[in-house]
Amino acid sequence: MTRKPPVRAVGYVRVSTEEQATSGLSLSHQKTRIVAFAKASDFDLVEVIEEPGKSGKNLKRPGMTRALEILEGGGAQALVVLSLDRLTRSVKDLGHLVEFFDRTGTALVSVQDSINTLTAAGRLVLNVLGSIAQWEREAIAERTAAAMAVKRHRGEKTGGTVPYGFDVDPEGRLIPNPREQEALKLIVRLRTRRYSLRKIGERLTEQGFTPKKGKLWHPQVIKKIVAHLARSKRTM
């Protein structure tokens, strides 16, 4: 019977500054556990990447980037970690990682969590985690959209730049700017008549209307105003 070749894998270990001092999850401990697992599971560890003093709040870490590049480049078939929280503490980023492993055809192995996506059961667990991540992203988006709609209905500023047609009072609420409201009406009329963004800008300039920033009506500025008007109409 022909023996299967060992799975090429890259190990990844991480600790934050606080964890180095207070927990048992030191780099050397994680590495020892990963090496022992690899030997017992017939994995060929091509490298163990160490990431000291880095938070797991996002994936923007040099070591994490290098590990993913090795996998995507075909240098390894699997990523081995001691536990999922060594990869990330963000459900959103876990969702991105699930998509990465699926897209690249590579595997994730988490020793303590007993997850091995080289097996059907492991893939099922990771897909469930990915579904939870997707659900959380969609739920957050829905809650944010609902909150913004309520703020707009109350006439409150929703963050970012003040929309054209309004000013902000001392209490942070949006109040109509009469002159800019006239410009908005003109934009709507001209857009209804299928004027191009550039032509609309020319007409606004001719009638003495100015944008909130600068003196010229760039097509992209008008495009954003039109999009904002469309969104506001949908939430009314």
C-alpha atoms as a PDB file:
ATOM      1  CA  MET A   1       0.000   0.000   0.000  1.00  0.00           C
ATOM      2  CA  THR A   2       1.453   3.356  -1.060  1.00  0.00           C
ATOM      3  CA  ARG A   3       1.945   5.761   1.810  1.00  0.00           C
ATOM      4  CA  LYS A   4       0.501   9.238   1.364  1.00  0.00           C
ATOM      5  CA  PRO A   5       3.062  12.043   1.309  1.00  0.00           C
ATOM      6  CA  PRO A   6       3.049  14.226   4.446  1.00  0.00           C
ATOM      7  CA  VAL A   7       0.958  17.390   4.418  1.00  0.00           C
ATOM      8  CA  ARG A   8       3.139  20.472   4.021  1.00  0.00           C
ATOM      9  CA  ALA A   9       2.115  22.932   6.703  1.00  0.00           C
ATOM     10  CA  VAL A  10       3.121  26.293   8.087  1.00  0.00           C
ATOM     11  CA  GLY A  11       2.729  26.890  11.810  1.00  0.00           C
ATOM     12  CA  TYR A  12       1.674  30.227  13.257  1.00  0.00           C
ATOM     13  CA  VAL A  13       2.136  31.363  16.843  1.00  0.00           C
ATOM     14  CA  ARG A  14       1.180  34.708  18.359  1.00  0.00           C
ATOM     15  CA  VAL A  15       1.063  36.447  21.710  1.00  0.00           C
ATOM     16  CA  SER A  16       0.201  39.996  22.670  1.00  0.00           C
ATOM     17  CA  THR A  17       2.385  41.930  25.116  1.00  0.00           C
ATOM     18  CA  GLU A  18      -0.054  41.346  27.991  1.00  0.00           C
ATOM     19  CA  GLU A  19      -0.364  37.636  27.277  1.00  0.00           C
ATOM     20  CA  GLN A  20       3.420  37.195  27.334  1.00  0.00           C
ATOM     21  CA  ALA A  21       3.434  38.308  30.946  1.00  0.00           C
ATOM     22  CA  THR A  22       0.187  36.825  32.264  1.00  0.00           C
ATOM     23  CA  SER A  23      -0.723  33.638  30.392  1.00  0.00           C
ATOM     24  CA  GLY A  24       0.777  30.311  29.598  1.00  0.00           C
ATOM     25  CA  LEU A  25       0.343  30.806  25.876  1.00  0.00           C
ATOM     26  CA  SER A  26       3.944  31.836  25.275  1.00  0.00           C
ATOM     27  CA  LEU A  27       5.468  31.539  21.826  1.00  0.00           C
ATOM     28  CA  SER A  28       7.646  28.621  22.866  1.00  0.00           C
ATOM     29  CA  HIS A  29       4.691  26.766  24.406  1.00  0.00           C
ATOM     30  CA  GLN A  30       2.575  27.190  21.280  1.00  0.00           C
ATOM     31  CA  LYS A  31       5.464  26.147  19.041  1.00  0.00           C
ATOM     32  CA  THR A  32       6.149  23.033  21.119  1.00  0.00           C
ATOM     33  CA  ARG A  33       2.508  21.960  20.930  1.00  0.00           C
ATOM     34  CA  ILE A  34       2.335  22.568  17.179  1.00  0.00           C
ATOM     35  CA  VAL A  35       5.563  20.666  16.490  1.00  0.00           C
ATOM     36  CA  ALA A  36       4.347  17.716  18.589  1.00  0.00           C
ATOM     37  CA  PHE A  37       1.008  17.696  16.763  1.00  0.00           C
ATOM     38  CA  ALA A  38       2.742  17.820  13.384  1.00  0.00           C
ATOM     39  CA  LYS A  39       4.923  14.808  14.228  1.00  0.00           C
ATOM     40  CA  ALA A  40       1.950  12.815  15.483  1.00  0.00           C
ATOM     41  CA  SER A  41      -0.167  13.710  12.444  1.00  0.00           C
ATOM     42  CA  ASP A  42       2.536  13.218   9.786  1.00  0.00           C
ATOM     43  CA  PHE A  43       2.650  16.904   8.871  1.00  0.00           C
ATOM     44  CA  ASP A  44       5.785  18.378   7.327  1.00  0.00           C
ATOM     45  CA  LEU A  45       6.256  21.786   9.002  1.00  0.00           C
ATOM     46  CA  VAL A  46       7.994  23.963   6.425  1.00  0.00           C
ATOM     47  CA  GLU A  47       8.139  26.888   8.870  1.00  0.00           C
ATOM     48  CA  VAL A  48       6.733  28.117  12.175  1.00  0.00           C
ATOM     49  CA  ILE A  49       6.082  31.843  12.006  1.00  0.00           C
ATOM     50  CA  GLU A  50       6.313  33.723  15.292  1.00  0.00           C
ATOM     51  CA  GLU A  51       4.351  36.928  15.911  1.00  0.00           C
ATOM     52  CA  PRO A  52       5.339  38.443  19.283  1.00  0.00           C
ATOM     53  CA  GLY A  53       3.546  41.409  20.810  1.00  0.00           C
ATOM     54  CA  LYS A  54       0.762  41.612  18.221  1.00  0.00           C
ATOM     55  CA  SER A  55      -2.945  41.970  19.014  1.00  0.00           C
ATOM     56  CA  GLY A  56      -5.501  39.656  17.437  1.00  0.00           C
ATOM     57  CA  LYS A  57      -8.002  42.463  16.839  1.00  0.00           C
ATOM     58  CA  ASN A  58      -7.346  42.359  13.070  1.00  0.00           C
ATOM     59  CA  LEU A  59      -5.346  40.494  10.422  1.00  0.00           C
ATOM     60  CA  LYS A  60      -2.932  43.330   9.633  1.00  0.00           C
ATOM     61  CA  ARG A  61       0.163  41.615  11.031  1.00  0.00           C
ATOM     62  CA  PRO A  62       3.434  40.880   9.192  1.00  0.00           C
ATOM     63  CA  GLY A  63       3.561  37.272  10.333  1.00  0.00           C
ATOM     64  CA  MET A  64      -0.077  36.617   9.444  1.00  0.00           C
ATOM     65  CA  THR A  65       0.442  38.172   6.023  1.00  0.00           C
ATOM     66  CA  ARG A  66       3.501  35.988   5.410  1.00  0.00           C
ATOM     67  CA  ALA A  67       1.670  32.815   6.477  1.00  0.00           C
ATOM     68  CA  LEU A  68      -1.207  33.508   4.094  1.00  0.00           C
ATOM     69  CA  GLU A  69       1.215  34.326   1.270  1.00  0.00           C
ATOM     70  CA  ILE A  70       2.967  30.969   1.751  1.00  0.00           C
ATOM     71  CA  LEU A  71      -0.377  29.170   1.554  1.00  0.00           C
ATOM     72  CA  GLU A  72      -1.572  31.128  -1.472  1.00  0.00           C
ATOM     73  CA  GLY A  73       1.748  30.616  -3.240  1.00  0.00           C
ATOM     74  CA  GLY A  74       1.605  26.845  -2.818  1.00  0.00           C
ATOM     75  CA  GLY A  75       4.449  26.634  -0.302  1.00  0.00           C
ATOM     76  CA  ALA A  76       2.176  24.846   2.168  1.00  0.00           C
ATOM     77  CA  GLN A  77      -1.168  23.097   2.141  1.00  0.00           C
ATOM     78  CA  ALA A  78      -2.298  23.850   5.675  1.00  0.00           C
ATOM     79  CA  LEU A  79      -1.980  26.427   8.442  1.00  0.00           C
ATOM     80  CA  VAL A  80      -1.561  25.021  11.951  1.00  0.00           C
ATOM     81  CA  VAL A  81      -2.340  27.080  15.064  1.00  0.00           C
ATOM     82  CA  LEU A  82      -2.750  26.120  18.694  1.00  0.00           C
ATOM     83  CA  SER A  83      -6.203  27.721  18.872  1.00  0.00           C
ATOM     84  CA  LEU A  84      -8.427  29.919  16.721  1.00  0.00           C
ATOM     85  CA  ASP A  85      -7.871  32.981  18.895  1.00  0.00           C
ATOM     86  CA  ARG A  86      -4.195  32.889  17.873  1.00  0.00           C
ATOM     87  CA  LEU A  87      -5.437  33.775  14.368  1.00  0.00           C
ATOM     88  CA  THR A  88      -7.975  36.426  15.273  1.00  0.00           C
ATOM     89  CA  ARG A  89     -10.398  37.556  17.945  1.00  0.00           C
ATOM     90  CA  SER A  90     -12.713  39.075  15.331  1.00  0.00           C
ATOM     91  CA  VAL A  91     -15.667  37.090  13.996  1.00  0.00           C
ATOM     92  CA  LYS A  92     -15.587  39.303  10.900  1.00  0.00           C
ATOM     93  CA  ASP A  93     -11.943  38.452  10.174  1.00  0.00           C
ATOM     94  CA  LEU A  94     -12.613  34.773  10.828  1.00  0.00           C
ATOM     95  CA  GLY A  95     -15.184  34.981   8.053  1.00  0.00           C
ATOM     96  CA  HIS A  96     -12.563  36.430   5.719  1.00  0.00           C
ATOM     97  CA  LEU A  97     -10.180  33.586   6.618  1.00  0.00           C
ATOM     98  CA  VAL A  98     -12.851  30.977   5.913  1.00  0.00           C
ATOM     99  CA  GLU A  99     -13.284  32.514   2.454  1.00  0.00           C
ATOM    100  CA  PHE A 100      -9.490  32.519   1.977  1.00  0.00           C
ATOM    101  CA  PHE A 101      -9.084  28.807   2.787  1.00  0.00           C
ATOM    102  CA  ASP A 102     -11.995  27.947   0.512  1.00  0.00           C
ATOM    103  CA  ARG A 103     -10.659  30.080  -2.360  1.00  0.00           C
ATOM    104  CA  THR A 104      -7.094  28.781  -2.156  1.00  0.00           C
ATOM    105  CA  GLY A 105      -7.991  25.162  -1.470  1.00  0.00           C
ATOM    106  CA  THR A 106      -5.842  25.171   1.669  1.00  0.00           C
ATOM    107  CA  ALA A 107      -6.675  23.875   5.134  1.00  0.00           C
ATOM    108  CA  LEU A 108      -6.819  25.179   8.681  1.00  0.00           C
ATOM    109  CA  VAL A 109      -5.831  23.058  11.646  1.00  0.00           C
ATOM    110  CA  SER A 110      -6.501  24.279  15.185  1.00  0.00           C
ATOM    111  CA  VAL A 111      -4.985  21.879  17.706  1.00  0.00           C
ATOM    112  CA  GLN A 112      -6.934  22.790  20.851  1.00  0.00           C
ATOM    113  CA  ASP A 113     -10.226  23.343  19.011  1.00  0.00           C
ATOM    114  CA  SER A 114      -9.957  19.953  17.249  1.00  0.00           C
ATOM    115  CA  ILE A 115     -10.582  21.601  13.883  1.00  0.00           C
ATOM    116  CA  ASN A 116      -8.953  20.052  10.833  1.00  0.00           C
ATOM    117  CA  THR A 117     -10.452  21.115   7.518  1.00  0.00           C
ATOM    118  CA  LEU A 118      -8.609  18.317   5.744  1.00  0.00           C
ATOM    119  CA  THR A 119     -11.535  16.228   7.020  1.00  0.00           C
ATOM    120  CA  ALA A 120     -15.238  16.576   6.205  1.00  0.00           C
ATOM    121  CA  ALA A 121     -16.104  17.162   9.867  1.00  0.00           C
ATOM    122  CA  GLY A 122     -13.509  19.914  10.143  1.00  0.00           C
ATOM    123  CA  ARG A 123     -14.801  21.632   7.015  1.00  0.00           C
ATOM    124  CA  LEU A 124     -18.324  21.497   8.419  1.00  0.00           C
ATOM    125  CA  VAL A 125     -17.258  23.175  11.667  1.00  0.00           C
ATOM    126  CA  LEU A 126     -15.390  25.924   9.814  1.00  0.00           C
ATOM    127  CA  ASN A 127     -18.307  26.496   7.440  1.00  0.00           C
ATOM    128  CA  VAL A 128     -20.599  26.916  10.442  1.00  0.00           C
ATOM    129  CA  LEU A 129     -18.178  29.458  11.920  1.00  0.00           C
ATOM    130  CA  GLY A 130     -18.057  31.238   8.569  1.00  0.00           C
ATOM    131  CA  SER A 131     -21.862  31.352   8.436  1.00  0.00           C
ATOM    132  CA  ILE A 132     -21.931  32.887  11.913  1.00  0.00           C
ATOM    133  CA  ALA A 133     -19.411  35.507  10.785  1.00  0.00           C
ATOM    134  CA  GLN A 134     -21.533  36.315   7.724  1.00  0.00           C
ATOM    135  CA  TRP A 135     -24.649  36.569   9.885  1.00  0.00           C
ATOM    136  CA  GLU A 136     -22.934  38.973  12.269  1.00  0.00           C
ATOM    137  CA  ARG A 137     -21.749  41.185   9.391  1.00  0.00           C
ATOM    138  CA  GLU A 138     -25.265  41.344   7.946  1.00  0.00           C
ATOM    139  CA  ALA A 139     -26.854  41.956  11.357  1.00  0.00           C
ATOM    140  CA  ILE A 140     -24.444  44.823  12.064  1.00  0.00           C
ATOM    141  CA  ALA A 141     -25.169  46.323   8.643  1.00  0.00           C
ATOM    142  CA  GLU A 142     -28.930  46.109   9.252  1.00  0.00           C
ATOM    143  CA  ARG A 143     -28.659  47.705  12.709  1.00  0.00           C
ATOM    144  CA  THR A 144     -26.462  50.481  11.341  1.00  0.00           C
ATOM    145  CA  ALA A 145     -28.832  51.204   8.457  1.00  0.00           C
ATOM    146  CA  ALA A 146     -31.809  51.316  10.832  1.00  0.00           C
ATOM    147  CA  ALA A 147     -29.996  53.683  13.207  1.00  0.00           C
ATOM    148  CA  MET A 148     -29.011  55.989  10.344  1.00  0.00           C
ATOM    149  CA  ALA A 149     -32.589  56.052   9.060  1.00  0.00           C
ATOM    150  CA  VAL A 150     -33.873  57.076  12.508  1.00  0.00           C
ATOM    151  CA  LYS A 151     -31.250  59.826  12.739  1.00  0.00           C
ATOM    152  CA  ARG A 152     -32.154  61.143   9.306  1.00  0.00           C
ATOM    153  CA  HIS A 153     -35.848  61.110  10.221  1.00  0.00           C
ATOM    154  CA  ARG A 154     -35.056  63.152  13.345  1.00  0.00           C
ATOM    155  CA  GLY A 155     -32.965  65.555  11.322  1.00  0.00           C
ATOM    156  CA  GLU A 156     -29.754  64.550  13.095  1.00  0.00           C
ATOM    157  CA  LYS A 157     -26.328  64.374  11.515  1.00  0.00           C
ATOM    158  CA  THR A 158     -25.402  60.749  10.708  1.00  0.00           C
ATOM    159  CA  GLY A 159     -21.649  61.140  10.783  1.00  0.00           C
ATOM    160  CA  GLY A 160     -19.073  62.066   8.159  1.00  0.00           C
ATOM    161  CA  THR A 161     -19.530  65.208   6.081  1.00  0.00           C
ATOM    162  CA  VAL A 162     -22.664  67.331   6.304  1.00  0.00           C
ATOM    163  CA  PRO A 163     -24.884  66.474   3.305  1.00  0.00           C
ATOM    164  CA  TYR A 164     -25.375  69.175   0.706  1.00  0.00           C
ATOM    165  CA  GLY A 165     -28.561  71.100   1.397  1.00  0.00           C
ATOM    166  CA  PHE A 166     -28.082  71.179   5.166  1.00  0.00           C
ATOM    167  CA  ASP A 167     -26.095  72.805   7.945  1.00  0.00           C
ATOM    168  CA  VAL A 168     -25.549  71.595  11.524  1.00  0.00           C
ATOM    169  CA  ASP A 169     -26.934  73.482  14.519  1.00  0.00           C
ATOM    170  CA  PRO A 170     -25.057  73.738  17.866  1.00  0.00           C
ATOM    171  CA  GLU A 171     -26.829  70.578  19.106  1.00  0.00           C
ATOM    172  CA  GLY A 172     -25.589  68.537  16.142  1.00  0.00           C
ATOM    173  CA  ARG A 173     -28.905  68.377  14.303  1.00  0.00           C
ATOM    174  CA  LEU A 174     -29.260  68.911  10.586  1.00  0.00           C
ATOM    175  CA  ILE A 175     -31.114  72.049   9.542  1.00  0.00           C
ATOM    176  CA  PRO A 176     -31.998  72.987   5.939  1.00  0.00           C
ATOM    177  CA  ASN A 177     -29.772  75.479   4.138  1.00  0.00           C
ATOM    178  CA  PRO A 178     -32.272  77.507   2.036  1.00  0.00           C
ATOM    179  CA  ARG A 179     -29.864  78.356  -0.771  1.00  0.00           C
ATOM    180  CA  GLU A 180     -28.549  74.802  -1.062  1.00  0.00           C
ATOM    181  CA  GLN A 181     -32.089  73.430  -0.952  1.00  0.00           C
ATOM    182  CA  GLU A 182     -32.795  75.475  -4.088  1.00  0.00           C
ATOM    183  CA  ALA A 183     -29.744  73.891  -5.733  1.00  0.00           C
ATOM    184  CA  LEU A 184     -31.026  70.426  -4.792  1.00  0.00           C
ATOM    185  CA  LYS A 185     -34.364  71.138  -6.448  1.00  0.00           C
ATOM    186  CA  LEU A 186     -32.556  72.248  -9.593  1.00  0.00           C
ATOM    187  CA  ILE A 187     -30.403  69.098  -9.587  1.00  0.00           C
ATOM    188  CA  VAL A 188     -33.515  66.912  -9.297  1.00  0.00           C
ATOM    189  CA  ARG A 189     -35.262  68.766 -12.152  1.00  0.00           C
ATOM    190  CA  LEU A 190     -32.256  68.563 -14.451  1.00  0.00           C
ATOM    191  CA  ARG A 191     -31.571  64.920 -13.638  1.00  0.00           C
ATOM    192  CA  THR A 192     -35.222  64.114 -14.401  1.00  0.00           C
ATOM    193  CA  ARG A 193     -34.676  65.717 -17.794  1.00  0.00           C
ATOM    194  CA  ARG A 194     -31.654  63.401 -18.269  1.00  0.00           C
ATOM    195  CA  TYR A 195     -29.019  66.124 -18.105  1.00  0.00           C
ATOM    196  CA  SER A 196     -25.494  64.745 -17.732  1.00  0.00           C
ATOM    197  CA  LEU A 197     -23.635  65.358 -14.482  1.00  0.00           C
ATOM    198  CA  ARG A 198     -21.319  67.771 -16.271  1.00  0.00           C
ATOM    199  CA  LYS A 199     -24.247  69.736 -17.757  1.00  0.00           C
ATOM    200  CA  ILE A 200     -25.895  69.918 -14.349  1.00  0.00           C
ATOM    201  CA  GLY A 201     -22.669  71.371 -12.943  1.00  0.00           C
ATOM    202  CA  GLU A 202     -22.603  73.999 -15.670  1.00  0.00           C
ATOM    203  CA  ARG A 203     -26.204  75.051 -14.931  1.00  0.00           C
ATOM    204  CA  LEU A 204     -25.513  75.246 -11.193  1.00  0.00           C
ATOM    205  CA  THR A 205     -22.521  77.476 -11.847  1.00  0.00           C
ATOM    206  CA  GLU A 206     -24.517  79.669 -14.210  1.00  0.00           C
ATOM    207  CA  GLN A 207     -27.130  80.260 -11.511  1.00  0.00           C
ATOM    208  CA  GLY A 208     -24.568  81.087  -8.855  1.00  0.00           C
ATOM    209  CA  PHE A 209     -24.768  77.908  -6.771  1.00  0.00           C
ATOM    210  CA  THR A 210     -21.540  76.671  -5.209  1.00  0.00           C
ATOM    211  CA  PRO A 211     -20.557  73.313  -3.679  1.00  0.00           C
ATOM    212  CA  LYS A 212     -19.738  73.062   0.019  1.00  0.00           C
ATOM    213  CA  LYS A 213     -16.044  72.720  -0.787  1.00  0.00           C
ATOM    214  CA  GLY A 214     -14.225  74.462  -3.598  1.00  0.00           C
ATOM    215  CA  LYS A 215     -15.681  76.573  -6.357  1.00  0.00           C
ATOM    216  CA  LEU A 216     -16.190  74.061  -9.150  1.00  0.00           C
ATOM    217  CA  TRP A 217     -18.935  71.485  -9.590  1.00  0.00           C
ATOM    218  CA  HIS A 218     -17.071  68.264 -10.383  1.00  0.00           C
ATOM    219  CA  PRO A 219     -19.258  65.453 -11.812  1.00  0.00           C
ATOM    220  CA  GLN A 220     -18.309  63.155  -8.916  1.00  0.00           C
ATOM    221  CA  VAL A 221     -19.590  65.716  -6.390  1.00  0.00           C
ATOM    222  CA  ILE A 222     -22.948  65.889  -8.165  1.00  0.00           C
ATOM    223  CA  LYS A 223     -23.033  62.087  -8.445  1.00  0.00           C
ATOM    224  CA  LYS A 224     -22.671  61.782  -4.652  1.00  0.00           C
ATOM    225  CA  ILE A 225     -25.449  64.325  -4.098  1.00  0.00           C
ATOM    226  CA  VAL A 226     -27.776  62.431  -6.468  1.00  0.00           C
ATOM    227  CA  ALA A 227     -26.967  59.143  -4.702  1.00  0.00           C
ATOM    228  CA  HIS A 228     -27.629  60.697  -1.293  1.00  0.00           C
ATOM    229  CA  LEU A 229     -30.983  62.039  -2.488  1.00  0.00           C
ATOM    230  CA  ALA A 230     -31.922  58.583  -3.761  1.00  0.00           C
ATOM    231  CA  ARG A 231     -31.005  56.942  -0.429  1.00  0.00           C
ATOM    232  CA  SER A 232     -32.937  59.567   1.535  1.00  0.00           C
ATOM    233  CA  LYS A 233     -36.016  58.988  -0.627  1.00  0.00           C
ATOM    234  CA  ARG A 234     -35.886  55.214   0.004  1.00  0.00           C
ATOM    235  CA  THR A 235     -35.773  55.651   3.803  1.00  0.00           C
ATOM    236  CA  MET A 236     -38.652  58.145   3.992  1.00  0.00           C
END
